[in-house]
Amino acid sequence: MNEGQVLQLASGAMMMAAKLASPFLLLSLGIGLLVSLFQSVTQIQEVTLTFVPKLAACAGVIMLGGHLMLTTFTGYVDQLFGQINVLLGS
């Protein structure tokens, strides 16, 4: 296995992690922004107020997109297992 293959595996793994984490991160960012605006307008300074909406949104992402995420990840792992002989040089 040469350096190019290692870099390709590392970049593929980072892209897969970004694809799987981005819905959670973007939704949490948006909900955090909306709740902080609500807190600014109403002058409610409760630290734990953002926890429940973010938790519910992440559960919704899992319910709506979990199958797609799991299919994407298993496809990537199947691709890696298919290349194992080439990567090990056998």
PDB file of N, CA and C in Angstrom:
ATOM      1  N   MET A   1       0.859  -1.175   0.000  1.00  0.00           N
ATOM      2  CA  MET A   1       0.000   0.000   0.000  1.00  0.00           C
ATOM      3  C   MET A   1       0.901   1.232   0.000  1.00  0.00           C
ATOM      4  N   ASN A   2       0.679   2.102  -0.949  1.00  0.00           N
ATOM      5  CA  ASN A   2       1.529   3.284  -1.056  1.00  0.00           C
ATOM      6  C   ASN A   2       0.850   4.505  -0.431  1.00  0.00           C
ATOM      7  N   GLU A   3       1.548   5.622  -0.499  1.00  0.00           N
ATOM      8  CA  GLU A   3       1.061   6.837   0.153  1.00  0.00           C
ATOM      9  C   GLU A   3      -0.218   7.367  -0.495  1.00  0.00           C
ATOM     10  N   GLY A   4      -0.326   7.211  -1.793  1.00  0.00           N
ATOM     11  CA  GLY A   4      -1.520   7.675  -2.487  1.00  0.00           C
ATOM     12  C   GLY A   4      -2.772   6.935  -2.048  1.00  0.00           C
ATOM     13  N   GLN A   5      -2.644   5.629  -1.843  1.00  0.00           N
ATOM     14  CA  GLN A   5      -3.785   4.845  -1.379  1.00  0.00           C
ATOM     15  C   GLN A   5      -4.174   5.214   0.047  1.00  0.00           C
ATOM     16  N   VAL A   6      -3.171   5.463   0.880  1.00  0.00           N
ATOM     17  CA  VAL A   6      -3.453   5.863   2.267  1.00  0.00           C
ATOM     18  C   VAL A   6      -4.171   7.208   2.290  1.00  0.00           C
ATOM     19  N   LEU A   7      -3.706   8.148   1.472  1.00  0.00           N
ATOM     20  CA  LEU A   7      -4.360   9.456   1.413  1.00  0.00           C
ATOM     21  C   LEU A   7      -5.777   9.344   0.861  1.00  0.00           C
ATOM     22  N   GLN A   8      -5.977   8.464  -0.113  1.00  0.00           N
ATOM     23  CA  GLN A   8      -7.313   8.258  -0.667  1.00  0.00           C
ATOM     24  C   GLN A   8      -8.245   7.661   0.380  1.00  0.00           C
ATOM     25  N   LEU A   9      -7.759   6.685   1.155  1.00  0.00           N
ATOM     26  CA  LEU A   9      -8.580   6.107   2.222  1.00  0.00           C
ATOM     27  C   LEU A   9      -8.913   7.142   3.294  1.00  0.00           C
ATOM     28  N   ALA A  10      -7.926   7.951   3.659  1.00  0.00           N
ATOM     29  CA  ALA A  10      -8.153   8.954   4.701  1.00  0.00           C
ATOM     30  C   ALA A  10      -9.134  10.021   4.228  1.00  0.00           C
ATOM     31  N   SER A  11      -8.983  10.476   2.992  1.00  0.00           N
ATOM     32  CA  SER A  11      -9.910  11.498   2.499  1.00  0.00           C
ATOM     33  C   SER A  11     -11.312  10.928   2.328  1.00  0.00           C
ATOM     34  N   GLY A  12     -11.418   9.679   1.900  1.00  0.00           N
ATOM     35  CA  GLY A  12     -12.732   9.040   1.790  1.00  0.00           C
ATOM     36  C   GLY A  12     -13.409   8.893   3.146  1.00  0.00           C
ATOM     37  N   ALA A  13     -12.630   8.550   4.169  1.00  0.00           N
ATOM     38  CA  ALA A  13     -13.190   8.416   5.514  1.00  0.00           C
ATOM     39  C   ALA A  13     -13.643   9.765   6.056  1.00  0.00           C
ATOM     40  N   MET A  14     -12.863  10.809   5.793  1.00  0.00           N
ATOM     41  CA  MET A  14     -13.258  12.138   6.268  1.00  0.00           C
ATOM     42  C   MET A  14     -14.494  12.649   5.535  1.00  0.00           C
ATOM     43  N   MET A  15     -14.595  12.371   4.247  1.00  0.00           N
ATOM     44  CA  MET A  15     -15.786  12.773   3.499  1.00  0.00           C
ATOM     45  C   MET A  15     -17.022  12.027   3.991  1.00  0.00           C
ATOM     46  N   MET A  16     -16.865  10.740   4.300  1.00  0.00           N
ATOM     47  CA  MET A  16     -17.989   9.966   4.818  1.00  0.00           C
ATOM     48  C   MET A  16     -18.426  10.510   6.183  1.00  0.00           C
ATOM     49  N   ALA A  17     -17.470  10.835   7.034  1.00  0.00           N
ATOM     50  CA  ALA A  17     -17.809  11.403   8.339  1.00  0.00           C
ATOM     51  C   ALA A  17     -18.509  12.747   8.185  1.00  0.00           C
ATOM     52  N   ALA A  18     -18.065  13.558   7.235  1.00  0.00           N
ATOM     53  CA  ALA A  18     -18.703  14.859   7.005  1.00  0.00           C
ATOM     54  C   ALA A  18     -20.125  14.690   6.472  1.00  0.00           C
ATOM     55  N   LYS A  19     -20.318  13.734   5.555  1.00  0.00           N
ATOM     56  CA  LYS A  19     -21.659  13.494   5.014  1.00  0.00           C
ATOM     57  C   LYS A  19     -22.624  13.020   6.090  1.00  0.00           C
ATOM     58  N   LEU A  20     -22.146  12.177   7.002  1.00  0.00           N
ATOM     59  CA  LEU A  20     -23.022  11.633   8.028  1.00  0.00           C
ATOM     60  C   LEU A  20     -23.280  12.623   9.165  1.00  0.00           C
ATOM     61  N   ALA A  21     -22.327  13.495   9.449  1.00  0.00           N
ATOM     62  CA  ALA A  21     -22.475  14.417  10.573  1.00  0.00           C
ATOM     63  C   ALA A  21     -23.114  15.743  10.189  1.00  0.00           C
ATOM     64  N   SER A  22     -23.062  16.109   8.915  1.00  0.00           N
ATOM     65  CA  SER A  22     -23.536  17.436   8.523  1.00  0.00           C
ATOM     66  C   SER A  22     -25.018  17.686   8.796  1.00  0.00           C
ATOM     67  N   PRO A  23     -25.936  16.739   8.597  1.00  0.00           N
ATOM     68  CA  PRO A  23     -27.334  17.055   8.933  1.00  0.00           C
ATOM     69  C   PRO A  23     -27.528  17.394  10.408  1.00  0.00           C
ATOM     70  N   PHE A  24     -26.854  16.661  11.277  1.00  0.00           N
ATOM     71  CA  PHE A  24     -26.969  16.928  12.709  1.00  0.00           C
ATOM     72  C   PHE A  24     -26.369  18.279  13.071  1.00  0.00           C
ATOM     73  N   LEU A  25     -25.202  18.562  12.521  1.00  0.00           N
ATOM     74  CA  LEU A  25     -24.521  19.808  12.861  1.00  0.00           C
ATOM     75  C   LEU A  25     -25.271  21.031  12.345  1.00  0.00           C
ATOM     76  N   LEU A  26     -25.741  20.966  11.101  1.00  0.00           N
ATOM     77  CA  LEU A  26     -26.441  22.114  10.531  1.00  0.00           C
ATOM     78  C   LEU A  26     -27.778  22.364  11.226  1.00  0.00           C
ATOM     79  N   LEU A  27     -28.503  21.294  11.524  1.00  0.00           N
ATOM     80  CA  LEU A  27     -29.781  21.455  12.203  1.00  0.00           C
ATOM     81  C   LEU A  27     -29.585  21.976  13.630  1.00  0.00           C
ATOM     82  N   SER A  28     -28.585  21.466  14.328  1.00  0.00           N
ATOM     83  CA  SER A  28     -28.309  21.957  15.678  1.00  0.00           C
ATOM     84  C   SER A  28     -27.876  23.417  15.660  1.00  0.00           C
ATOM     85  N   LEU A  29     -27.109  23.791  14.648  1.00  0.00           N
ATOM     86  CA  LEU A  29     -26.702  25.189  14.513  1.00  0.00           C
ATOM     87  C   LEU A  29     -27.903  26.091  14.290  1.00  0.00           C
ATOM     88  N   GLY A  30     -28.795  25.699  13.398  1.00  0.00           N
ATOM     89  CA  GLY A  30     -29.983  26.501  13.120  1.00  0.00           C
ATOM     90  C   GLY A  30     -30.905  26.622  14.313  1.00  0.00           C
ATOM     91  N   ILE A  31     -31.124  25.503  15.007  1.00  0.00           N
ATOM     92  CA  ILE A  31     -32.004  25.541  16.184  1.00  0.00           C
ATOM     93  C   ILE A  31     -31.366  26.361  17.300  1.00  0.00           C
ATOM     94  N   GLY A  32     -30.064  26.230  17.472  1.00  0.00           N
ATOM     95  CA  GLY A  32     -29.378  27.041  18.474  1.00  0.00           C
ATOM     96  C   GLY A  32     -29.497  28.526  18.193  1.00  0.00           C
ATOM     97  N   LEU A  33     -29.394  28.879  16.923  1.00  0.00           N
ATOM     98  CA  LEU A  33     -29.538  30.287  16.534  1.00  0.00           C
ATOM     99  C   LEU A  33     -30.953  30.792  16.802  1.00  0.00           C
ATOM    100  N   LEU A  34     -31.957  30.005  16.428  1.00  0.00           N
ATOM    101  CA  LEU A  34     -33.338  30.416  16.668  1.00  0.00           C
ATOM    102  C   LEU A  34     -33.661  30.535  18.156  1.00  0.00           C
ATOM    103  N   VAL A  35     -33.196  29.583  18.947  1.00  0.00           N
ATOM    104  CA  VAL A  35     -33.473  29.636  20.388  1.00  0.00           C
ATOM    105  C   VAL A  35     -32.732  30.810  21.023  1.00  0.00           C
ATOM    106  N   SER A  36     -31.516  31.088  20.573  1.00  0.00           N
ATOM    107  CA  SER A  36     -30.797  32.233  21.145  1.00  0.00           C
ATOM    108  C   SER A  36     -31.471  33.554  20.768  1.00  0.00           C
ATOM    109  N   LEU A  37     -32.018  33.642  19.553  1.00  0.00           N
ATOM    110  CA  LEU A  37     -32.789  34.834  19.199  1.00  0.00           C
ATOM    111  C   LEU A  37     -34.031  34.963  20.071  1.00  0.00           C
ATOM    112  N   PHE A  38     -34.713  33.848  20.297  1.00  0.00           N
ATOM    113  CA  PHE A  38     -35.883  33.849  21.177  1.00  0.00           C
ATOM    114  C   PHE A  38     -35.510  34.274  22.592  1.00  0.00           C
ATOM    115  N   GLN A  39     -34.369  33.786  23.081  1.00  0.00           N
ATOM    116  CA  GLN A  39     -33.921  34.166  24.421  1.00  0.00           C
ATOM    117  C   GLN A  39     -33.560  35.650  24.479  1.00  0.00           C
ATOM    118  N   SER A  40     -32.994  36.167  23.426  1.00  0.00           N
ATOM    119  CA  SER A  40     -32.640  37.595  23.407  1.00  0.00           C
ATOM    120  C   SER A  40     -33.879  38.470  23.406  1.00  0.00           C
ATOM    121  N   VAL A  41     -34.881  38.062  22.640  1.00  0.00           N
ATOM    122  CA  VAL A  41     -36.103  38.862  22.550  1.00  0.00           C
ATOM    123  C   VAL A  41     -36.878  38.821  23.855  1.00  0.00           C
ATOM    124  N   THR A  42     -36.987  37.644  24.452  1.00  0.00           N
ATOM    125  CA  THR A  42     -37.793  37.507  25.671  1.00  0.00           C
ATOM    126  C   THR A  42     -36.986  37.707  26.950  1.00  0.00           C
ATOM    127  N   GLN A  43     -35.700  37.871  26.846  1.00  0.00           N
ATOM    128  CA  GLN A  43     -34.793  38.037  27.985  1.00  0.00           C
ATOM    129  C   GLN A  43     -34.858  36.870  28.958  1.00  0.00           C
ATOM    130  N   ILE A  44     -35.115  35.673  28.435  1.00  0.00           N
ATOM    131  CA  ILE A  44     -35.042  34.447  29.239  1.00  0.00           C
ATOM    132  C   ILE A  44     -33.617  33.924  29.099  1.00  0.00           C
ATOM    133  N   GLN A  45     -32.884  33.878  30.184  1.00  0.00           N
ATOM    134  CA  GLN A  45     -31.497  33.433  30.138  1.00  0.00           C
ATOM    135  C   GLN A  45     -31.356  32.057  30.798  1.00  0.00           C
ATOM    136  N   GLU A  46     -31.980  31.073  30.210  1.00  0.00           N
ATOM    137  CA  GLU A  46     -31.909  29.705  30.711  1.00  0.00           C
ATOM    138  C   GLU A  46     -30.959  28.915  29.810  1.00  0.00           C
ATOM    139  N   VAL A  47     -29.931  28.343  30.403  1.00  0.00           N
ATOM    140  CA  VAL A  47     -28.899  27.657  29.638  1.00  0.00           C
ATOM    141  C   VAL A  47     -29.434  26.357  29.032  1.00  0.00           C
ATOM    142  N   THR A  48     -30.303  25.680  29.732  1.00  0.00           N
ATOM    143  CA  THR A  48     -30.771  24.368  29.291  1.00  0.00           C
ATOM    144  C   THR A  48     -31.930  24.430  28.305  1.00  0.00           C
ATOM    145  N   LEU A  49     -32.352  25.608  27.903  1.00  0.00           N
ATOM    146  CA  LEU A  49     -33.503  25.753  27.017  1.00  0.00           C
ATOM    147  C   LEU A  49     -33.251  25.179  25.627  1.00  0.00           C
ATOM    148  N   THR A  50     -32.024  25.174  25.168  1.00  0.00           N
ATOM    149  CA  THR A  50     -31.731  24.687  23.821  1.00  0.00           C
ATOM    150  C   THR A  50     -31.622  23.172  23.748  1.00  0.00           C
ATOM    151  N   PHE A  51     -31.520  22.505  24.885  1.00  0.00           N
ATOM    152  CA  PHE A  51     -31.255  21.060  24.864  1.00  0.00           C
ATOM    153  C   PHE A  51     -32.400  20.259  24.270  1.00  0.00           C
ATOM    154  N   VAL A  52     -33.617  20.489  24.701  1.00  0.00           N
ATOM    155  CA  VAL A  52     -34.760  19.679  24.253  1.00  0.00           C
ATOM    156  C   VAL A  52     -35.058  19.873  22.769  1.00  0.00           C
ATOM    157  N   PRO A  53     -35.086  21.093  22.226  1.00  0.00           N
ATOM    158  CA  PRO A  53     -35.322  21.219  20.779  1.00  0.00           C
ATOM    159  C   PRO A  53     -34.228  20.565  19.927  1.00  0.00           C
ATOM    160  N   LYS A  54     -32.977  20.690  20.354  1.00  0.00           N
ATOM    161  CA  LYS A  54     -31.893  20.058  19.607  1.00  0.00           C
ATOM    162  C   LYS A  54     -31.995  18.541  19.669  1.00  0.00           C
ATOM    163  N   LEU A  55     -32.342  18.015  20.827  1.00  0.00           N
ATOM    164  CA  LEU A  55     -32.500  16.567  20.977  1.00  0.00           C
ATOM    165  C   LEU A  55     -33.645  16.054  20.115  1.00  0.00           C
ATOM    166  N   ALA A  56     -34.756  16.767  20.099  1.00  0.00           N
ATOM    167  CA  ALA A  56     -35.901  16.362  19.273  1.00  0.00           C
ATOM    168  C   ALA A  56     -35.557  16.450  17.787  1.00  0.00           C
ATOM    169  N   ALA A  57     -34.830  17.466  17.387  1.00  0.00           N
ATOM    170  CA  ALA A  57     -34.448  17.606  15.985  1.00  0.00           C
ATOM    171  C   ALA A  57     -33.492  16.499  15.556  1.00  0.00           C
ATOM    172  N   CYS A  58     -32.552  16.156  16.411  1.00  0.00           N
ATOM    173  CA  CYS A  58     -31.628  15.065  16.078  1.00  0.00           C
ATOM    174  C   CYS A  58     -32.359  13.731  15.998  1.00  0.00           C
ATOM    175  N   ALA A  59     -33.330  13.529  16.865  1.00  0.00           N
ATOM    176  CA  ALA A  59     -34.145  12.308  16.772  1.00  0.00           C
ATOM    177  C   ALA A  59     -34.931  12.295  15.469  1.00  0.00           C
ATOM    178  N   GLY A  60     -35.433  13.444  15.053  1.00  0.00           N
ATOM    179  CA  GLY A  60     -36.139  13.538  13.773  1.00  0.00           C
ATOM    180  C   GLY A  60     -35.234  13.249  12.592  1.00  0.00           C
ATOM    181  N   VAL A  61     -33.994  13.731  12.654  1.00  0.00           N
ATOM    182  CA  VAL A  61     -33.037  13.449  11.580  1.00  0.00           C
ATOM    183  C   VAL A  61     -32.772  11.954  11.499  1.00  0.00           C
ATOM    184  N   ILE A  62     -32.638  11.316  12.639  1.00  0.00           N
ATOM    185  CA  ILE A  62     -32.408   9.874  12.638  1.00  0.00           C
ATOM    186  C   ILE A  62     -33.618   9.133  12.078  1.00  0.00           C
ATOM    187  N   MET A  63     -34.812   9.564  12.446  1.00  0.00           N
ATOM    188  CA  MET A  63     -36.015   8.886  11.951  1.00  0.00           C
ATOM    189  C   MET A  63     -36.201   9.098  10.455  1.00  0.00           C
ATOM    190  N   LEU A  64     -35.944  10.314   9.975  1.00  0.00           N
ATOM    191  CA  LEU A  64     -36.174  10.598   8.564  1.00  0.00           C
ATOM    192  C   LEU A  64     -35.020  10.160   7.662  1.00  0.00           C
ATOM    193  N   GLY A  65     -33.799  10.350   8.115  1.00  0.00           N
ATOM    194  CA  GLY A  65     -32.658  10.078   7.246  1.00  0.00           C
ATOM    195  C   GLY A  65     -31.758   8.959   7.703  1.00  0.00           C
ATOM    196  N   GLY A  66     -32.138   8.256   8.741  1.00  0.00           N
ATOM    197  CA  GLY A  66     -31.290   7.200   9.275  1.00  0.00           C
ATOM    198  C   GLY A  66     -31.039   6.080   8.285  1.00  0.00           C
ATOM    199  N   HIS A  67     -32.080   5.713   7.540  1.00  0.00           N
ATOM    200  CA  HIS A  67     -31.924   4.625   6.575  1.00  0.00           C
ATOM    201  C   HIS A  67     -30.940   5.020   5.475  1.00  0.00           C
ATOM    202  N   LEU A  68     -31.047   6.244   4.990  1.00  0.00           N
ATOM    203  CA  LEU A  68     -30.126   6.718   3.960  1.00  0.00           C
ATOM    204  C   LEU A  68     -28.693   6.783   4.492  1.00  0.00           C
ATOM    205  N   MET A  69     -28.537   7.255   5.716  1.00  0.00           N
ATOM    206  CA  MET A  69     -27.201   7.330   6.314  1.00  0.00           C
ATOM    207  C   MET A  69     -26.596   5.942   6.485  1.00  0.00           C
ATOM    208  N   LEU A  70     -27.398   5.002   6.963  1.00  0.00           N
ATOM    209  CA  LEU A  70     -26.907   3.643   7.165  1.00  0.00           C
ATOM    210  C   LEU A  70     -26.564   2.984   5.838  1.00  0.00           C
ATOM    211  N   THR A  71     -27.373   3.206   4.819  1.00  0.00           N
ATOM    212  CA  THR A  71     -27.101   2.651   3.491  1.00  0.00           C
ATOM    213  C   THR A  71     -25.821   3.235   2.907  1.00  0.00           C
ATOM    214  N   THR A  72     -25.625   4.524   3.080  1.00  0.00           N
ATOM    215  CA  THR A  72     -24.409   5.179   2.589  1.00  0.00           C
ATOM    216  C   THR A  72     -23.176   4.623   3.288  1.00  0.00           C
ATOM    217  N   PHE A  73     -23.266   4.470   4.592  1.00  0.00           N
ATOM    218  CA  PHE A  73     -22.120   3.978   5.355  1.00  0.00           C
ATOM    219  C   PHE A  73     -21.810   2.525   5.035  1.00  0.00           C
ATOM    220  N   THR A  74     -22.828   1.679   4.946  1.00  0.00           N
ATOM    221  CA  THR A  74     -22.573   0.270   4.632  1.00  0.00           C
ATOM    222  C   THR A  74     -22.045   0.112   3.210  1.00  0.00           C
ATOM    223  N   GLY A  75     -22.478   0.962   2.289  1.00  0.00           N
ATOM    224  CA  GLY A  75     -21.916   0.934   0.936  1.00  0.00           C
ATOM    225  C   GLY A  75     -20.442   1.273   0.928  1.00  0.00           C
ATOM    226  N   TYR A  76     -20.061   2.250   1.733  1.00  0.00           N
ATOM    227  CA  TYR A  76     -18.648   2.635   1.831  1.00  0.00           C
ATOM    228  C   TYR A  76     -17.819   1.506   2.450  1.00  0.00           C
ATOM    229  N   VAL A  77     -18.345   0.881   3.487  1.00  0.00           N
ATOM    230  CA  VAL A  77     -17.623  -0.219   4.136  1.00  0.00           C
ATOM    231  C   VAL A  77     -17.527  -1.417   3.200  1.00  0.00           C
ATOM    232  N   ASP A  78     -18.577  -1.726   2.467  1.00  0.00           N
ATOM    233  CA  ASP A  78     -18.524  -2.810   1.482  1.00  0.00           C
ATOM    234  C   ASP A  78     -17.476  -2.529   0.412  1.00  0.00           C
ATOM    235  N   GLN A  79     -17.377  -1.280  -0.011  1.00  0.00           N
ATOM    236  CA  GLN A  79     -16.362  -0.898  -0.988  1.00  0.00           C
ATOM    237  C   GLN A  79     -14.960  -1.114  -0.416  1.00  0.00           C
ATOM    238  N   LEU A  80     -14.766  -0.747   0.851  1.00  0.00           N
ATOM    239  CA  LEU A  80     -13.456  -0.954   1.477  1.00  0.00           C
ATOM    240  C   LEU A  80     -13.120  -2.430   1.600  1.00  0.00           C
ATOM    241  N   PHE A  81     -14.095  -3.232   2.004  1.00  0.00           N
ATOM    242  CA  PHE A  81     -13.846  -4.666   2.124  1.00  0.00           C
ATOM    243  C   PHE A  81     -13.600  -5.307   0.760  1.00  0.00           C
ATOM    244  N   GLY A  82     -14.207  -4.762  -0.288  1.00  0.00           N
ATOM    245  CA  GLY A  82     -13.957  -5.261  -1.628  1.00  0.00           C
ATOM    246  C   GLY A  82     -12.555  -4.955  -2.114  1.00  0.00           C
ATOM    247  N   GLN A  83     -11.952  -3.899  -1.599  1.00  0.00           N
ATOM    248  CA  GLN A  83     -10.605  -3.497  -2.007  1.00  0.00           C
ATOM    249  C   GLN A  83      -9.521  -4.024  -1.091  1.00  0.00           C
ATOM    250  N   ILE A  84      -9.856  -4.874  -0.135  1.00  0.00           N
ATOM    251  CA  ILE A  84      -8.880  -5.257   0.879  1.00  0.00           C
ATOM    252  C   ILE A  84      -7.704  -6.024   0.284  1.00  0.00           C
ATOM    253  N   ASN A  85      -7.951  -6.851  -0.708  1.00  0.00           N
ATOM    254  CA  ASN A  85      -6.840  -7.583  -1.335  1.00  0.00           C
ATOM    255  C   ASN A  85      -5.905  -6.643  -2.079  1.00  0.00           C
ATOM    256  N   VAL A  86      -6.451  -5.649  -2.760  1.00  0.00           N
ATOM    257  CA  VAL A  86      -5.629  -4.693  -3.481  1.00  0.00           C
ATOM    258  C   VAL A  86      -4.844  -3.831  -2.505  1.00  0.00           C
ATOM    259  N   LEU A  87      -5.496  -3.426  -1.407  1.00  0.00           N
ATOM    260  CA  LEU A  87      -4.831  -2.555  -0.445  1.00  0.00           C
ATOM    261  C   LEU A  87      -3.714  -3.268   0.302  1.00  0.00           C
ATOM    262  N   LEU A  88      -3.887  -4.538   0.570  1.00  0.00           N
ATOM    263  CA  LEU A  88      -2.851  -5.281   1.282  1.00  0.00           C
ATOM    264  C   LEU A  88      -1.767  -5.805   0.360  1.00  0.00           C
ATOM    265  N   GLY A  89      -1.990  -5.704  -0.937  1.00  0.00           N
ATOM    266  CA  GLY A  89      -0.984  -6.126  -1.889  1.00  0.00           C
ATOM    267  C   GLY A  89      -0.934  -7.619  -2.116  1.00  0.00           C
ATOM    268  N   SER A  90      -1.997  -8.325  -1.809  1.00  0.00           N
ATOM    269  CA  SER A  90      -2.013  -9.788  -1.990  1.00  0.00           C
ATOM    270  C   SER A  90      -2.433 -10.165  -3.390  1.00  0.00           C
TER     271      SER A  90
END
